[in-house]
Amino acid sequence: MAPKLTRLAKQLRKNSTKAENLLWSRLRAKQMDGIKFRRQQPIEDFIVDFVSFEKRLVIELDGSQHKENREKDDKRDKYLTDHDFTVLRFWDNEVFENIEGLLEVIRKKCVG
């Protein structure tokens, strides 16, 4: 893993969005069925918002900036799925408007 990417991941953790902080408050410390998640985690040439390596699950939160970055997101998603990860994408507003529903979707992917 490139040191530059590791530094960037640390910076992203320090400057998390409100949506990322809210979701992280519900995923951290194995709160979801004892499953360990990491946030702003480098995987190859990418940094993912949240990942459970045990469950091979990546969770991405998309704000308005992702409308312009669709091609980059598609490339990352393809790489991850080609390496046996499942990628769940949610809009930031979903975190605020329906956190329980969002957590249930994540839980079902983890146990199913």
PDB file of N, CA and C in Angstrom:
ATOM      1  N   MET A   1       0.846  -1.177   0.000  1.00  0.00           N
ATOM      2  CA  MET A   1       0.000   0.000   0.000  1.00  0.00           C
ATOM      3  C   MET A   1       0.892   1.241   0.000  1.00  0.00           C
ATOM      4  N   ALA A   2       0.575   2.157  -0.860  1.00  0.00           N
ATOM      5  CA  ALA A   2       1.392   3.357  -1.000  1.00  0.00           C
ATOM      6  C   ALA A   2       1.266   4.254   0.224  1.00  0.00           C
ATOM      7  N   PRO A   3       2.404   4.758   0.728  1.00  0.00           N
ATOM      8  CA  PRO A   3       2.356   5.663   1.887  1.00  0.00           C
ATOM      9  C   PRO A   3       1.480   6.889   1.638  1.00  0.00           C
ATOM     10  N   LYS A   4       1.459   7.361   0.389  1.00  0.00           N
ATOM     11  CA  LYS A   4       0.635   8.516   0.044  1.00  0.00           C
ATOM     12  C   LYS A   4      -0.851   8.209   0.282  1.00  0.00           C
ATOM     13  N   LEU A   5      -1.271   7.013  -0.089  1.00  0.00           N
ATOM     14  CA  LEU A   5      -2.661   6.605   0.090  1.00  0.00           C
ATOM     15  C   LEU A   5      -2.999   6.452   1.578  1.00  0.00           C
ATOM     16  N   THR A   6      -2.064   5.923   2.344  1.00  0.00           N
ATOM     17  CA  THR A   6      -2.265   5.788   3.790  1.00  0.00           C
ATOM     18  C   THR A   6      -2.425   7.158   4.438  1.00  0.00           C
ATOM     19  N   ARG A   7      -1.601   8.113   4.033  1.00  0.00           N
ATOM     20  CA  ARG A   7      -1.721   9.481   4.574  1.00  0.00           C
ATOM     21  C   ARG A   7      -3.064  10.097   4.206  1.00  0.00           C
ATOM     22  N   LEU A   8      -3.480   9.886   2.977  1.00  0.00           N
ATOM     23  CA  LEU A   8      -4.759  10.420   2.535  1.00  0.00           C
ATOM     24  C   LEU A   8      -5.912   9.790   3.322  1.00  0.00           C
ATOM     25  N   ALA A   9      -5.851   8.498   3.571  1.00  0.00           N
ATOM     26  CA  ALA A   9      -6.893   7.819   4.344  1.00  0.00           C
ATOM     27  C   ALA A   9      -6.980   8.392   5.759  1.00  0.00           C
ATOM     28  N   LYS A  10      -5.831   8.645   6.371  1.00  0.00           N
ATOM     29  CA  LYS A  10      -5.820   9.247   7.715  1.00  0.00           C
ATOM     30  C   LYS A  10      -6.445  10.629   7.689  1.00  0.00           C
ATOM     31  N   GLN A  11      -6.124  11.393   6.654  1.00  0.00           N
ATOM     32  CA  GLN A  11      -6.698  12.737   6.502  1.00  0.00           C
ATOM     33  C   GLN A  11      -8.217  12.659   6.334  1.00  0.00           C
ATOM     34  N   LEU A  12      -8.681  11.710   5.549  1.00  0.00           N
ATOM     35  CA  LEU A  12     -10.116  11.547   5.342  1.00  0.00           C
ATOM     36  C   LEU A  12     -10.826  11.159   6.640  1.00  0.00           C
ATOM     37  N   ARG A  13     -10.174  10.328   7.461  1.00  0.00           N
ATOM     38  CA  ARG A  13     -10.764   9.959   8.755  1.00  0.00           C
ATOM     39  C   ARG A  13     -10.907  11.182   9.653  1.00  0.00           C
ATOM     40  N   LYS A  14      -9.918  12.066   9.612  1.00  0.00           N
ATOM     41  CA  LYS A  14      -9.966  13.283  10.434  1.00  0.00           C
ATOM     42  C   LYS A  14     -11.030  14.261   9.950  1.00  0.00           C
ATOM     43  N   ASN A  15     -11.334  14.223   8.655  1.00  0.00           N
ATOM     44  CA  ASN A  15     -12.270  15.171   8.053  1.00  0.00           C
ATOM     45  C   ASN A  15     -13.522  14.481   7.532  1.00  0.00           C
ATOM     46  N   SER A  16     -14.038  13.539   8.288  1.00  0.00           N
ATOM     47  CA  SER A  16     -15.223  12.800   7.863  1.00  0.00           C
ATOM     48  C   SER A  16     -16.437  13.715   7.743  1.00  0.00           C
ATOM     49  N   THR A  17     -17.332  13.336   6.845  1.00  0.00           N
ATOM     50  CA  THR A  17     -18.583  14.078   6.698  1.00  0.00           C
ATOM     51  C   THR A  17     -19.520  13.727   7.862  1.00  0.00           C
ATOM     52  N   LYS A  18     -20.564  14.521   8.012  1.00  0.00           N
ATOM     53  CA  LYS A  18     -21.549  14.234   9.062  1.00  0.00           C
ATOM     54  C   LYS A  18     -22.203  12.877   8.839  1.00  0.00           C
ATOM     55  N   ALA A  19     -22.491  12.559   7.585  1.00  0.00           N
ATOM     56  CA  ALA A  19     -23.102  11.265   7.271  1.00  0.00           C
ATOM     57  C   ALA A  19     -22.151  10.115   7.629  1.00  0.00           C
ATOM     58  N   GLU A  20     -20.878  10.261   7.286  1.00  0.00           N
ATOM     59  CA  GLU A  20     -19.894   9.221   7.624  1.00  0.00           C
ATOM     60  C   GLU A  20     -19.778   9.066   9.134  1.00  0.00           C
ATOM     61  N   ASN A  21     -19.745  10.180   9.852  1.00  0.00           N
ATOM     62  CA  ASN A  21     -19.646  10.108  11.310  1.00  0.00           C
ATOM     63  C   ASN A  21     -20.852   9.406  11.924  1.00  0.00           C
ATOM     64  N   LEU A  22     -22.038   9.707  11.421  1.00  0.00           N
ATOM     65  CA  LEU A  22     -23.241   9.079  11.957  1.00  0.00           C
ATOM     66  C   LEU A  22     -23.235   7.575  11.698  1.00  0.00           C
ATOM     67  N   LEU A  23     -22.928   7.175  10.472  1.00  0.00           N
ATOM     68  CA  LEU A  23     -22.893   5.741  10.179  1.00  0.00           C
ATOM     69  C   LEU A  23     -21.788   5.057  10.974  1.00  0.00           C
ATOM     70  N   TRP A  24     -20.628   5.683  11.072  1.00  0.00           N
ATOM     71  CA  TRP A  24     -19.521   5.109  11.821  1.00  0.00           C
ATOM     72  C   TRP A  24     -19.897   4.910  13.292  1.00  0.00           C
ATOM     73  N   SER A  25     -20.691   5.821  13.838  1.00  0.00           N
ATOM     74  CA  SER A  25     -21.103   5.696  15.244  1.00  0.00           C
ATOM     75  C   SER A  25     -21.948   4.444  15.463  1.00  0.00           C
ATOM     76  N   ARG A  26     -22.526   3.908  14.386  1.00  0.00           N
ATOM     77  CA  ARG A  26     -23.356   2.701  14.490  1.00  0.00           C
ATOM     78  C   ARG A  26     -22.624   1.426  14.054  1.00  0.00           C
ATOM     79  N   LEU A  27     -21.489   1.584  13.365  1.00  0.00           N
ATOM     80  CA  LEU A  27     -20.734   0.411  12.893  1.00  0.00           C
ATOM     81  C   LEU A  27     -19.499   0.115  13.733  1.00  0.00           C
ATOM     82  N   ARG A  28     -18.940   1.141  14.365  1.00  0.00           N
ATOM     83  CA  ARG A  28     -17.658   0.979  15.053  1.00  0.00           C
ATOM     84  C   ARG A  28     -17.772   0.028  16.246  1.00  0.00           C
ATOM     85  N   ALA A  29     -16.648  -0.457  16.686  1.00  0.00           N
ATOM     86  CA  ALA A  29     -16.540  -1.308  17.874  1.00  0.00           C
ATOM     87  C   ALA A  29     -17.428  -2.555  17.787  1.00  0.00           C
ATOM     88  N   LYS A  30     -17.538  -3.099  16.593  1.00  0.00           N
ATOM     89  CA  LYS A  30     -18.265  -4.364  16.381  1.00  0.00           C
ATOM     90  C   LYS A  30     -19.711  -4.313  16.870  1.00  0.00           C
ATOM     91  N   GLN A  31     -20.345  -3.153  16.770  1.00  0.00           N
ATOM     92  CA  GLN A  31     -21.725  -3.007  17.237  1.00  0.00           C
ATOM     93  C   GLN A  31     -22.728  -3.817  16.410  1.00  0.00           C
ATOM     94  N   MET A  32     -22.414  -4.064  15.158  1.00  0.00           N
ATOM     95  CA  MET A  32     -23.334  -4.808  14.308  1.00  0.00           C
ATOM     96  C   MET A  32     -22.970  -6.291  14.336  1.00  0.00           C
ATOM     97  N   ASP A  33     -23.651  -7.017  15.169  1.00  0.00           N
ATOM     98  CA  ASP A  33     -23.498  -8.478  15.242  1.00  0.00           C
ATOM     99  C   ASP A  33     -22.045  -8.928  15.393  1.00  0.00           C
ATOM    100  N   GLY A  34     -21.212  -8.118  16.052  1.00  0.00           N
ATOM    101  CA  GLY A  34     -19.826  -8.486  16.300  1.00  0.00           C
ATOM    102  C   GLY A  34     -18.915  -8.385  15.088  1.00  0.00           C
ATOM    103  N   ILE A  35     -19.388  -7.728  14.030  1.00  0.00           N
ATOM    104  CA  ILE A  35     -18.616  -7.625  12.790  1.00  0.00           C
ATOM    105  C   ILE A  35     -17.719  -6.393  12.845  1.00  0.00           C
ATOM    106  N   LYS A  36     -16.452  -6.588  12.539  1.00  0.00           N
ATOM    107  CA  LYS A  36     -15.504  -5.483  12.550  1.00  0.00           C
ATOM    108  C   LYS A  36     -15.546  -4.737  11.223  1.00  0.00           C
ATOM    109  N   PHE A  37     -15.736  -3.424  11.325  1.00  0.00           N
ATOM    110  CA  PHE A  37     -15.658  -2.545  10.165  1.00  0.00           C
ATOM    111  C   PHE A  37     -14.488  -1.601  10.351  1.00  0.00           C
ATOM    112  N   ARG A  38     -13.907  -1.203   9.252  1.00  0.00           N
ATOM    113  CA  ARG A  38     -12.875  -0.159   9.222  1.00  0.00           C
ATOM    114  C   ARG A  38     -13.420   0.975   8.390  1.00  0.00           C
ATOM    115  N   ARG A  39     -12.928   2.193   8.660  1.00  0.00           N
ATOM    116  CA  ARG A  39     -13.389   3.331   7.858  1.00  0.00           C
ATOM    117  C   ARG A  39     -12.213   3.966   7.134  1.00  0.00           C
ATOM    118  N   GLN A  40     -12.526   4.554   5.978  1.00  0.00           N
ATOM    119  CA  GLN A  40     -11.516   5.188   5.133  1.00  0.00           C
ATOM    120  C   GLN A  40     -10.296   4.277   5.006  1.00  0.00           C
ATOM    121  N   GLN A  41     -10.547   3.119   4.442  1.00  0.00           N
ATOM    122  CA  GLN A  41      -9.549   2.056   4.369  1.00  0.00           C
ATOM    123  C   GLN A  41      -8.994   1.912   2.957  1.00  0.00           C
ATOM    124  N   PRO A  42      -7.675   2.014   2.795  1.00  0.00           N
ATOM    125  CA  PRO A  42      -7.090   1.748   1.475  1.00  0.00           C
ATOM    126  C   PRO A  42      -7.227   0.272   1.085  1.00  0.00           C
ATOM    127  N   ILE A  43      -7.658   0.062  -0.139  1.00  0.00           N
ATOM    128  CA  ILE A  43      -7.686  -1.265  -0.751  1.00  0.00           C
ATOM    129  C   ILE A  43      -7.102  -1.081  -2.140  1.00  0.00           C
ATOM    130  N   GLU A  44      -5.915  -1.634  -2.345  1.00  0.00           N
ATOM    131  CA  GLU A  44      -5.169  -1.470  -3.595  1.00  0.00           C
ATOM    132  C   GLU A  44      -4.983   0.020  -3.882  1.00  0.00           C
ATOM    133  N   ASP A  45      -5.521   0.542  -4.981  1.00  0.00           N
ATOM    134  CA  ASP A  45      -5.334   1.955  -5.341  1.00  0.00           C
ATOM    135  C   ASP A  45      -6.509   2.833  -4.934  1.00  0.00           C
ATOM    136  N   PHE A  46      -7.395   2.308  -4.103  1.00  0.00           N
ATOM    137  CA  PHE A  46      -8.615   3.019  -3.746  1.00  0.00           C
ATOM    138  C   PHE A  46      -8.723   3.174  -2.230  1.00  0.00           C
ATOM    139  N   ILE A  47      -9.525   4.139  -1.812  1.00  0.00           N
ATOM    140  CA  ILE A  47      -9.881   4.271  -0.399  1.00  0.00           C
ATOM    141  C   ILE A  47     -11.389   4.126  -0.325  1.00  0.00           C
ATOM    142  N   VAL A  48     -11.841   3.154   0.449  1.00  0.00           N
ATOM    143  CA  VAL A  48     -13.280   2.931   0.598  1.00  0.00           C
ATOM    144  C   VAL A  48     -13.752   3.558   1.907  1.00  0.00           C
ATOM    145  N   ASP A  49     -15.025   3.948   1.942  1.00  0.00           N
ATOM    146  CA  ASP A  49     -15.559   4.604   3.135  1.00  0.00           C
ATOM    147  C   ASP A  49     -15.567   3.652   4.329  1.00  0.00           C
ATOM    148  N   PHE A  50     -16.154   2.470   4.140  1.00  0.00           N
ATOM    149  CA  PHE A  50     -16.232   1.466   5.207  1.00  0.00           C
ATOM    150  C   PHE A  50     -16.029   0.092   4.595  1.00  0.00           C
ATOM    151  N   VAL A  51     -15.395  -0.794   5.351  1.00  0.00           N
ATOM    152  CA  VAL A  51     -15.204  -2.155   4.853  1.00  0.00           C
ATOM    153  C   VAL A  51     -15.185  -3.137   6.018  1.00  0.00           C
ATOM    154  N   SER A  52     -15.780  -4.292   5.768  1.00  0.00           N
ATOM    155  CA  SER A  52     -15.609  -5.454   6.624  1.00  0.00           C
ATOM    156  C   SER A  52     -14.863  -6.475   5.777  1.00  0.00           C
ATOM    157  N   PHE A  53     -13.602  -6.711   6.111  1.00  0.00           N
ATOM    158  CA  PHE A  53     -12.833  -7.702   5.355  1.00  0.00           C
ATOM    159  C   PHE A  53     -13.381  -9.098   5.610  1.00  0.00           C
ATOM    160  N   GLU A  54     -13.841  -9.342   6.813  1.00  0.00           N
ATOM    161  CA  GLU A  54     -14.404 -10.640   7.183  1.00  0.00           C
ATOM    162  C   GLU A  54     -15.607 -10.987   6.296  1.00  0.00           C
ATOM    163  N   LYS A  55     -16.460 -10.018   6.049  1.00  0.00           N
ATOM    164  CA  LYS A  55     -17.673 -10.234   5.247  1.00  0.00           C
ATOM    165  C   LYS A  55     -17.505  -9.837   3.785  1.00  0.00           C
ATOM    166  N   ARG A  56     -16.320  -9.317   3.432  1.00  0.00           N
ATOM    167  CA  ARG A  56     -16.039  -8.874   2.058  1.00  0.00           C
ATOM    168  C   ARG A  56     -17.096  -7.869   1.602  1.00  0.00           C
ATOM    169  N   LEU A  57     -17.398  -6.915   2.486  1.00  0.00           N
ATOM    170  CA  LEU A  57     -18.439  -5.926   2.241  1.00  0.00           C
ATOM    171  C   LEU A  57     -17.863  -4.523   2.319  1.00  0.00           C
ATOM    172  N   VAL A  58     -18.098  -3.744   1.277  1.00  0.00           N
ATOM    173  CA  VAL A  58     -17.690  -2.343   1.220  1.00  0.00           C
ATOM    174  C   VAL A  58     -18.957  -1.493   1.228  1.00  0.00           C
ATOM    175  N   ILE A  59     -18.939  -0.434   2.029  1.00  0.00           N
ATOM    176  CA  ILE A  59     -20.054   0.502   2.085  1.00  0.00           C
ATOM    177  C   ILE A  59     -19.536   1.866   1.673  1.00  0.00           C
ATOM    178  N   GLU A  60     -20.182   2.437   0.677  1.00  0.00           N
ATOM    179  CA  GLU A  60     -19.813   3.757   0.175  1.00  0.00           C
ATOM    180  C   GLU A  60     -20.962   4.721   0.404  1.00  0.00           C
ATOM    181  N   LEU A  61     -20.654   5.886   0.935  1.00  0.00           N
ATOM    182  CA  LEU A  61     -21.636   6.960   1.079  1.00  0.00           C
ATOM    183  C   LEU A  61     -21.354   8.003   0.017  1.00  0.00           C
ATOM    184  N   ASP A  62     -22.379   8.344  -0.716  1.00  0.00           N
ATOM    185  CA  ASP A  62     -22.225   9.272  -1.826  1.00  0.00           C
ATOM    186  C   ASP A  62     -22.936  10.584  -1.536  1.00  0.00           C
ATOM    187  N   GLY A  63     -22.193  11.660  -1.633  1.00  0.00           N
ATOM    188  CA  GLY A  63     -22.763  12.998  -1.585  1.00  0.00           C
ATOM    189  C   GLY A  63     -22.886  13.522  -3.001  1.00  0.00           C
ATOM    190  N   SER A  64     -23.189  14.785  -3.123  1.00  0.00           N
ATOM    191  CA  SER A  64     -23.412  15.374  -4.447  1.00  0.00           C
ATOM    192  C   SER A  64     -22.178  15.284  -5.349  1.00  0.00           C
ATOM    193  N   GLN A  65     -20.969  15.243  -4.769  1.00  0.00           N
ATOM    194  CA  GLN A  65     -19.749  15.180  -5.575  1.00  0.00           C
ATOM    195  C   GLN A  65     -19.679  13.899  -6.394  1.00  0.00           C
ATOM    196  N   HIS A  66     -20.410  12.870  -5.991  1.00  0.00           N
ATOM    197  CA  HIS A  66     -20.332  11.598  -6.712  1.00  0.00           C
ATOM    198  C   HIS A  66     -21.087  11.623  -8.031  1.00  0.00           C
ATOM    199  N   LYS A  67     -21.931  12.610  -8.236  1.00  0.00           N
ATOM    200  CA  LYS A  67     -22.594  12.730  -9.539  1.00  0.00           C
ATOM    201  C   LYS A  67     -21.558  12.985 -10.628  1.00  0.00           C
ATOM    202  N   GLU A  68     -20.522  13.766 -10.293  1.00  0.00           N
ATOM    203  CA  GLU A  68     -19.468  14.066 -11.262  1.00  0.00           C
ATOM    204  C   GLU A  68     -18.423  12.956 -11.337  1.00  0.00           C
ATOM    205  N   ASN A  69     -18.322  12.122 -10.308  1.00  0.00           N
ATOM    206  CA  ASN A  69     -17.269  11.096 -10.233  1.00  0.00           C
ATOM    207  C   ASN A  69     -17.781   9.702 -10.567  1.00  0.00           C
ATOM    208  N   ARG A  70     -18.864   9.589 -11.295  1.00  0.00           N
ATOM    209  CA  ARG A  70     -19.485   8.292 -11.552  1.00  0.00           C
ATOM    210  C   ARG A  70     -18.515   7.320 -12.218  1.00  0.00           C
ATOM    211  N   GLU A  71     -17.739   7.804 -13.173  1.00  0.00           N
ATOM    212  CA  GLU A  71     -16.803   6.925 -13.882  1.00  0.00           C
ATOM    213  C   GLU A  71     -15.761   6.350 -12.910  1.00  0.00           C
ATOM    214  N   LYS A  72     -15.240   7.197 -12.040  1.00  0.00           N
ATOM    215  CA  LYS A  72     -14.262   6.752 -11.048  1.00  0.00           C
ATOM    216  C   LYS A  72     -14.901   5.751 -10.082  1.00  0.00           C
ATOM    217  N   ASP A  73     -16.122   6.032  -9.652  1.00  0.00           N
ATOM    218  CA  ASP A  73     -16.830   5.110  -8.758  1.00  0.00           C
ATOM    219  C   ASP A  73     -17.075   3.769  -9.429  1.00  0.00           C
ATOM    220  N   ASP A  74     -17.458   3.802 -10.708  1.00  0.00           N
ATOM    221  CA  ASP A  74     -17.702   2.551 -11.447  1.00  0.00           C
ATOM    222  C   ASP A  74     -16.423   1.720 -11.546  1.00  0.00           C
ATOM    223  N   LYS A  75     -15.293   2.380 -11.794  1.00  0.00           N
ATOM    224  CA  LYS A  75     -14.007   1.684 -11.886  1.00  0.00           C
ATOM    225  C   LYS A  75     -13.662   1.025 -10.544  1.00  0.00           C
ATOM    226  N   ARG A  76     -13.858   1.768  -9.450  1.00  0.00           N
ATOM    227  CA  ARG A  76     -13.584   1.221  -8.117  1.00  0.00           C
ATOM    228  C   ARG A  76     -14.511   0.045  -7.829  1.00  0.00           C
ATOM    229  N   ASP A  77     -15.802   0.208  -8.104  1.00  0.00           N
ATOM    230  CA  ASP A  77     -16.764  -0.867  -7.847  1.00  0.00           C
ATOM    231  C   ASP A  77     -16.414  -2.124  -8.633  1.00  0.00           C
ATOM    232  N   LYS A  78     -16.016  -1.955  -9.891  1.00  0.00           N
ATOM    233  CA  LYS A  78     -15.649  -3.116 -10.709  1.00  0.00           C
ATOM    234  C   LYS A  78     -14.433  -3.826 -10.117  1.00  0.00           C
ATOM    235  N   TYR A  79     -13.423  -3.066  -9.728  1.00  0.00           N
ATOM    236  CA  TYR A  79     -12.238  -3.668  -9.122  1.00  0.00           C
ATOM    237  C   TYR A  79     -12.644  -4.464  -7.879  1.00  0.00           C
ATOM    238  N   LEU A  80     -13.443  -3.849  -7.024  1.00  0.00           N
ATOM    239  CA  LEU A  80     -13.835  -4.495  -5.763  1.00  0.00           C
ATOM    240  C   LEU A  80     -14.669  -5.750  -6.003  1.00  0.00           C
ATOM    241  N   THR A  81     -15.641  -5.670  -6.895  1.00  0.00           N
ATOM    242  CA  THR A  81     -16.463  -6.853  -7.159  1.00  0.00           C
ATOM    243  C   THR A  81     -15.648  -7.952  -7.835  1.00  0.00           C
ATOM    244  N   ASP A  82     -14.687  -7.560  -8.681  1.00  0.00           N
ATOM    245  CA  ASP A  82     -13.796  -8.552  -9.297  1.00  0.00           C
ATOM    246  C   ASP A  82     -12.922  -9.247  -8.252  1.00  0.00           C
ATOM    247  N   HIS A  83     -12.782  -8.625  -7.081  1.00  0.00           N
ATOM    248  CA  HIS A  83     -11.994  -9.208  -5.988  1.00  0.00           C
ATOM    249  C   HIS A  83     -12.893  -9.669  -4.841  1.00  0.00           C
ATOM    250  N   ASP A  84     -14.094 -10.091  -5.208  1.00  0.00           N
ATOM    251  CA  ASP A  84     -15.038 -10.749  -4.296  1.00  0.00           C
ATOM    252  C   ASP A  84     -15.572  -9.880  -3.167  1.00  0.00           C
ATOM    253  N   PHE A  85     -15.604  -8.575  -3.360  1.00  0.00           N
ATOM    254  CA  PHE A  85     -16.277  -7.693  -2.410  1.00  0.00           C
ATOM    255  C   PHE A  85     -17.678  -7.403  -2.934  1.00  0.00           C
ATOM    256  N   THR A  86     -18.617  -7.247  -2.021  1.00  0.00           N
ATOM    257  CA  THR A  86     -19.927  -6.702  -2.342  1.00  0.00           C
ATOM    258  C   THR A  86     -19.866  -5.229  -2.003  1.00  0.00           C
ATOM    259  N   VAL A  87     -20.371  -4.386  -2.894  1.00  0.00           N
ATOM    260  CA  VAL A  87     -20.349  -2.939  -2.672  1.00  0.00           C
ATOM    261  C   VAL A  87     -21.782  -2.450  -2.491  1.00  0.00           C
ATOM    262  N   LEU A  88     -22.037  -1.814  -1.349  1.00  0.00           N
ATOM    263  CA  LEU A  88     -23.313  -1.154  -1.106  1.00  0.00           C
ATOM    264  C   LEU A  88     -23.085   0.339  -1.183  1.00  0.00           C
ATOM    265  N   ARG A  89     -23.921   1.036  -1.940  1.00  0.00           N
ATOM    266  CA  ARG A  89     -23.826   2.495  -2.064  1.00  0.00           C
ATOM    267  C   ARG A  89     -25.106   3.120  -1.537  1.00  0.00           C
ATOM    268  N   PHE A  90     -24.931   4.142  -0.730  1.00  0.00           N
ATOM    269  CA  PHE A  90     -26.052   4.892  -0.189  1.00  0.00           C
ATOM    270  C   PHE A  90     -25.778   6.377  -0.376  1.00  0.00           C
ATOM    271  N   TRP A  91     -26.832   7.142  -0.554  1.00  0.00           N
ATOM    272  CA  TRP A  91     -26.701   8.595  -0.578  1.00  0.00           C
ATOM    273  C   TRP A  91     -26.618   9.101   0.854  1.00  0.00           C
ATOM    274  N   ASP A  92     -25.872  10.170   1.047  1.00  0.00           N
ATOM    275  CA  ASP A  92     -25.733  10.767   2.384  1.00  0.00           C
ATOM    276  C   ASP A  92     -27.082  11.021   3.036  1.00  0.00           C
ATOM    277  N   ASN A  93     -28.044  11.541   2.260  1.00  0.00           N
ATOM    278  CA  ASN A  93     -29.338  11.866   2.867  1.00  0.00           C
ATOM    279  C   ASN A  93     -30.047  10.634   3.415  1.00  0.00           C
ATOM    280  N   GLU A  94     -29.763   9.447   2.861  1.00  0.00           N
ATOM    281  CA  GLU A  94     -30.360   8.213   3.383  1.00  0.00           C
ATOM    282  C   GLU A  94     -29.892   7.943   4.815  1.00  0.00           C
ATOM    283  N   VAL A  95     -28.658   8.299   5.111  1.00  0.00           N
ATOM    284  CA  VAL A  95     -28.122   8.107   6.464  1.00  0.00           C
ATOM    285  C   VAL A  95     -28.933   8.930   7.460  1.00  0.00           C
ATOM    286  N   PHE A  96     -29.254  10.163   7.078  1.00  0.00           N
ATOM    287  CA  PHE A  96     -29.988  11.056   7.979  1.00  0.00           C
ATOM    288  C   PHE A  96     -31.479  10.736   8.040  1.00  0.00           C
ATOM    289  N   GLU A  97     -32.037  10.313   6.923  1.00  0.00           N
ATOM    290  CA  GLU A  97     -33.483  10.121   6.842  1.00  0.00           C
ATOM    291  C   GLU A  97     -33.943   8.719   7.220  1.00  0.00           C
ATOM    292  N   ASN A  98     -33.051   7.725   7.108  1.00  0.00           N
ATOM    293  CA  ASN A  98     -33.483   6.344   7.339  1.00  0.00           C
ATOM    294  C   ASN A  98     -32.322   5.468   7.810  1.00  0.00           C
ATOM    295  N   ILE A  99     -31.641   5.889   8.860  1.00  0.00           N
ATOM    296  CA  ILE A  99     -30.464   5.144   9.337  1.00  0.00           C
ATOM    297  C   ILE A  99     -30.816   3.701   9.711  1.00  0.00           C
ATOM    298  N   GLU A 100     -31.980   3.495  10.319  1.00  0.00           N
ATOM    299  CA  GLU A 100     -32.348   2.128  10.725  1.00  0.00           C
ATOM    300  C   GLU A 100     -32.561   1.230   9.515  1.00  0.00           C
ATOM    301  N   GLY A 101     -33.197   1.734   8.473  1.00  0.00           N
ATOM    302  CA  GLY A 101     -33.394   0.958   7.259  1.00  0.00           C
ATOM    303  C   GLY A 101     -32.076   0.643   6.578  1.00  0.00           C
ATOM    304  N   LEU A 102     -31.194   1.615   6.549  1.00  0.00           N
ATOM    305  CA  LEU A 102     -29.868   1.449   5.965  1.00  0.00           C
ATOM    306  C   LEU A 102     -29.083   0.378   6.730  1.00  0.00           C
ATOM    307  N   LEU A 103     -29.140   0.442   8.051  1.00  0.00           N
ATOM    308  CA  LEU A 103     -28.441  -0.560   8.871  1.00  0.00           C
ATOM    309  C   LEU A 103     -29.013  -1.956   8.659  1.00  0.00           C
ATOM    310  N   GLU A 104     -30.312  -2.041   8.428  1.00  0.00           N
ATOM    311  CA  GLU A 104     -30.928  -3.344   8.179  1.00  0.00           C
ATOM    312  C   GLU A 104     -30.448  -3.930   6.850  1.00  0.00           C
ATOM    313  N   VAL A 105     -30.295  -3.097   5.828  1.00  0.00           N
ATOM    314  CA  VAL A 105     -29.764  -3.566   4.542  1.00  0.00           C
ATOM    315  C   VAL A 105     -28.343  -4.092   4.746  1.00  0.00           C
ATOM    316  N   ILE A 106     -27.536  -3.358   5.493  1.00  0.00           N
ATOM    317  CA  ILE A 106     -26.152  -3.784   5.772  1.00  0.00           C
ATOM    318  C   ILE A 106     -26.156  -5.094   6.561  1.00  0.00           C
ATOM    319  N   ARG A 107     -26.985  -5.166   7.577  1.00  0.00           N
ATOM    320  CA  ARG A 107     -27.068  -6.382   8.407  1.00  0.00           C
ATOM    321  C   ARG A 107     -27.436  -7.594   7.553  1.00  0.00           C
ATOM    322  N   LYS A 108     -28.426  -7.434   6.679  1.00  0.00           N
ATOM    323  CA  LYS A 108     -28.860  -8.560   5.820  1.00  0.00           C
ATOM    324  C   LYS A 108     -27.731  -9.027   4.903  1.00  0.00           C
ATOM    325  N   LYS A 109     -26.928  -8.085   4.381  1.00  0.00           N
ATOM    326  CA  LYS A 109     -25.792  -8.474   3.542  1.00  0.00           C
ATOM    327  C   LYS A 109     -24.734  -9.211   4.354  1.00  0.00           C
ATOM    328  N   CYS A 110     -24.591  -8.839   5.612  1.00  0.00           N
ATOM    329  CA  CYS A 110     -23.569  -9.463   6.465  1.00  0.00           C
ATOM    330  C   CYS A 110     -23.957 -10.877   6.894  1.00  0.00           C
ATOM    331  N   VAL A 111     -25.225 -11.108   7.164  1.00  0.00           N
ATOM    332  CA  VAL A 111     -25.639 -12.413   7.679  1.00  0.00           C
ATOM    333  C   VAL A 111     -26.203 -13.314   6.596  1.00  0.00           C
ATOM    334  N   GLY A 112     -26.464 -12.751   5.425  1.00  0.00           N
ATOM    335  CA  GLY A 112     -27.117 -13.528   4.360  1.00  0.00           C
ATOM    336  C   GLY A 112     -26.220 -14.167   3.407  1.00  0.00           C
TER     337      GLY A 112
END
